Amino acid sequence: MVLPEVQNDTLPEDLPSKSTCVHSDGCGCEVSSCCLDCPLPVCKFEYPQGLLTVRTQQSRLQVLHLRDEGFSRAWIAYVLGISLRSVDRHLSQNGSQIETTAH
């Protein structure tokens, strides 16, 4: 008895590339169609959790920048659309002093 041929596993590298990049066939991702035009400061493929890690780092940098500018935790949370807990977490990861009084 001969078994029927099994289809290839549908791993991302087996799928046809949707990239419009002329530099490389495997170039690009959901952020940008070409790595050379990508707006991210660091490639998402350099981290185990990919884009989530890059976005978290960007959010942390925004919180730290706004805090250095003198804005309150509540204002930072409101403007960035994140919780006060997230603001506190970003500040504590940096070793910054967390403000205890509300402004």
Foldseek 3Di string as FASTA:
>chain_A
DDDDDDDDDPDPVPDQQPAPDPPDRPADDPQDSHPVPGPQPDAQVVDPVGPVVSVLVVLLVQLVVVVVVPDALVVSCVVVVHDSVSSVVSCVVVVHDHDDDGD
